[in-house]
């Protein structure tokens, strides 16, 4: 895959990834439907925003900013201290889907990223969901 075909390049590089992450956290901070995932974060979202930006740059095929600063992401291990179930995964995806709709014009790319990010969000689950009664 050459540089022009990476999702990172197709999105628009660092400025677009920064815009995506900024919008994602604005949505998380303001949507009542995202309360469950928001309460798992610190009151100041700037640290989480910067880490997600660095992670997504590399994950999308751009510079490995996160790895250079923190080492291997070990995403699941890093999320173990936080109770993440299906509700939290869905809330995270609600915010990410809306942010992608607003920031990423390429519908095919959005669809592919939605699938991959949804799989990733559900991989972060570390608690059993309560049974439906």
Protein backbone atom coordinates (compact mmCIF):
# COMPACT_ATOMS: atom_id res chain seq x y z
CA UNK A 1 0.00 0.00 0.00
CA UNK A 2 1.56 3.32 -0.94
CA UNK A 3 1.17 6.52 1.04
CA UNK A 4 -1.76 7.82 -1.01
CA UNK A 5 -3.85 4.74 -0.33
CA UNK A 6 -3.53 4.56 3.45
CA UNK A 7 -6.64 5.53 5.37
CA UNK A 8 -4.45 8.18 7.05
CA UNK A 9 -3.73 9.83 3.70
CA UNK A 10 -7.26 9.34 2.37
CA UNK A 11 -8.69 11.11 5.42
CA UNK A 12 -6.35 14.06 5.00
CA UNK A 13 -3.42 13.30 7.31
CA UNK A 14 -2.78 14.70 10.76
CA UNK A 15 -5.07 17.76 10.44
CA UNK A 16 -8.08 15.58 9.61
CA UNK A 17 -7.27 13.01 12.30
CA UNK A 18 -6.95 15.85 14.81
CA UNK A 19 -10.33 17.23 13.67
CA UNK A 20 -11.93 13.76 13.93
CA UNK A 21 -10.65 13.20 17.46
CA UNK A 22 -11.57 16.71 18.58
CA UNK A 23 -15.13 16.24 17.33
CA UNK A 24 -15.33 12.76 18.86
CA UNK A 25 -14.53 14.11 22.32
CA UNK A 26 -16.87 17.11 21.88
CA UNK A 27 -19.67 14.64 21.17
CA UNK A 28 -18.69 12.42 24.08
CA UNK A 29 -18.72 15.45 26.35
CA UNK A 30 -22.12 16.73 25.23
CA UNK A 31 -24.35 13.85 24.10
CA UNK A 32 -26.56 12.58 26.93
CA UNK A 33 -26.49 9.18 25.20
CA UNK A 34 -22.72 9.03 25.79
CA UNK A 35 -22.90 9.58 29.56
CA UNK A 36 -21.78 6.05 30.40
CA UNK A 37 -18.56 6.30 28.43
CA UNK A 38 -17.95 9.93 29.39
CA UNK A 39 -18.00 9.18 33.11
CA UNK A 40 -15.12 6.72 32.62
CA UNK A 41 -12.87 9.62 31.56
CA UNK A 42 -11.20 12.39 33.55
CA UNK A 43 -13.00 15.73 33.70
CA UNK A 44 -10.28 17.18 31.44
CA UNK A 45 -10.37 15.25 28.17
CA UNK A 46 -7.23 16.80 26.68
CA UNK A 47 -4.93 13.92 27.67
CA UNK A 48 -7.28 11.29 26.27
CA UNK A 49 -7.75 13.39 23.14
CA UNK A 50 -4.01 13.59 22.52
CA UNK A 51 -3.50 9.86 23.08
CA UNK A 52 -6.35 8.91 20.74
CA UNK A 53 -4.97 11.29 18.11
CA UNK A 54 -1.50 9.72 18.35
CA UNK A 55 -2.93 6.19 18.32
CA UNK A 56 -5.23 6.80 15.35
CA UNK A 57 -2.44 8.37 13.29
CA UNK A 58 -0.49 5.11 13.44
CA UNK A 59 -3.53 2.83 13.31
CA UNK A 60 -4.65 4.53 10.11
CA UNK A 61 -1.24 4.05 8.46
CA UNK A 62 0.41 7.35 9.33
CA UNK A 63 3.23 8.15 11.72
CA UNK A 64 3.50 5.87 14.75
CA UNK A 65 3.28 8.75 17.25
CA UNK A 66 1.75 6.69 20.04
CA UNK A 67 4.26 3.85 19.75
CA UNK A 68 7.17 6.31 19.65
CA UNK A 69 6.03 7.97 22.88
CA UNK A 70 4.41 5.16 24.89
CA UNK A 71 5.42 1.88 23.25
CA UNK A 72 3.00 -0.80 22.07
CA UNK A 73 -0.62 0.36 22.65
CA UNK A 74 -1.73 -2.80 24.51
CA UNK A 75 -5.22 -1.38 24.22
CA UNK A 76 -7.08 -4.08 26.05
CA UNK A 77 -4.66 -4.06 28.99
CA UNK A 78 -4.78 -0.26 29.18
CA UNK A 79 -8.58 -0.36 29.38
CA UNK A 80 -8.84 -3.08 32.05
CA UNK A 81 -9.14 -0.58 34.95
CA UNK A 82 -12.36 0.73 33.39
CA UNK A 83 -15.60 -1.27 33.27
CA UNK A 84 -16.30 -1.58 29.56
CA UNK A 85 -19.34 -3.52 28.39
CA UNK A 86 -21.49 -3.45 25.28
CA UNK A 87 -23.22 -0.22 26.37
CA UNK A 88 -19.90 1.59 26.62
CA UNK A 89 -18.73 0.17 23.29
CA UNK A 90 -21.95 1.36 21.64
CA UNK A 91 -21.67 4.81 23.21
CA UNK A 92 -18.06 5.10 22.03
CA UNK A 93 -19.14 4.11 18.53
CA UNK A 94 -22.08 6.54 18.59
CA UNK A 95 -19.63 9.39 19.09
CA UNK A 96 -17.10 8.03 16.60
CA UNK A 97 -19.72 7.40 13.91
CA UNK A 98 -21.05 10.94 14.21
CA UNK A 99 -17.53 12.39 14.16
CA UNK A 100 -16.63 10.32 11.09
CA UNK A 101 -19.82 11.42 9.32
CA UNK A 102 -18.89 15.05 9.93
CA UNK A 103 -15.18 14.79 9.12
CA UNK A 104 -14.65 12.01 6.56
CA UNK A 105 -16.24 12.71 3.18
CA UNK A 106 -15.27 9.35 1.61
CA UNK A 107 -18.28 7.11 2.31
CA UNK A 108 -16.47 3.87 1.42
CA UNK A 109 -13.63 4.75 3.78
CA UNK A 110 -16.09 5.67 6.53
CA UNK A 111 -17.82 2.32 6.12
CA UNK A 112 -14.55 0.37 6.30
CA UNK A 113 -13.38 2.34 9.33
CA UNK A 114 -16.75 1.88 11.01
CA UNK A 115 -16.39 -1.91 10.75
CA UNK A 116 -12.81 -1.91 12.05
CA UNK A 117 -13.47 0.56 14.86
CA UNK A 118 -16.63 -1.28 15.90
CA UNK A 119 -14.63 -4.51 16.14
CA UNK A 120 -12.00 -2.68 18.18
CA UNK A 121 -14.58 -1.10 20.50
CA UNK A 122 -16.14 -4.49 21.20
CA UNK A 123 -12.70 -6.02 21.75
CA UNK A 124 -12.24 -3.56 24.65
CA UNK A 125 -15.12 -5.11 26.60
CA UNK A 126 -13.90 -6.48 29.90
CA UNK A 127 -17.11 -7.13 31.80
CA UNK A 128 -20.10 -9.30 31.12
CA UNK A 129 -23.23 -7.50 30.11
CA UNK A 130 -26.18 -7.96 32.45
CA UNK A 131 -28.71 -10.47 31.16
CA UNK A 132 -31.85 -9.06 29.58
CA UNK A 133 -34.69 -9.66 32.02
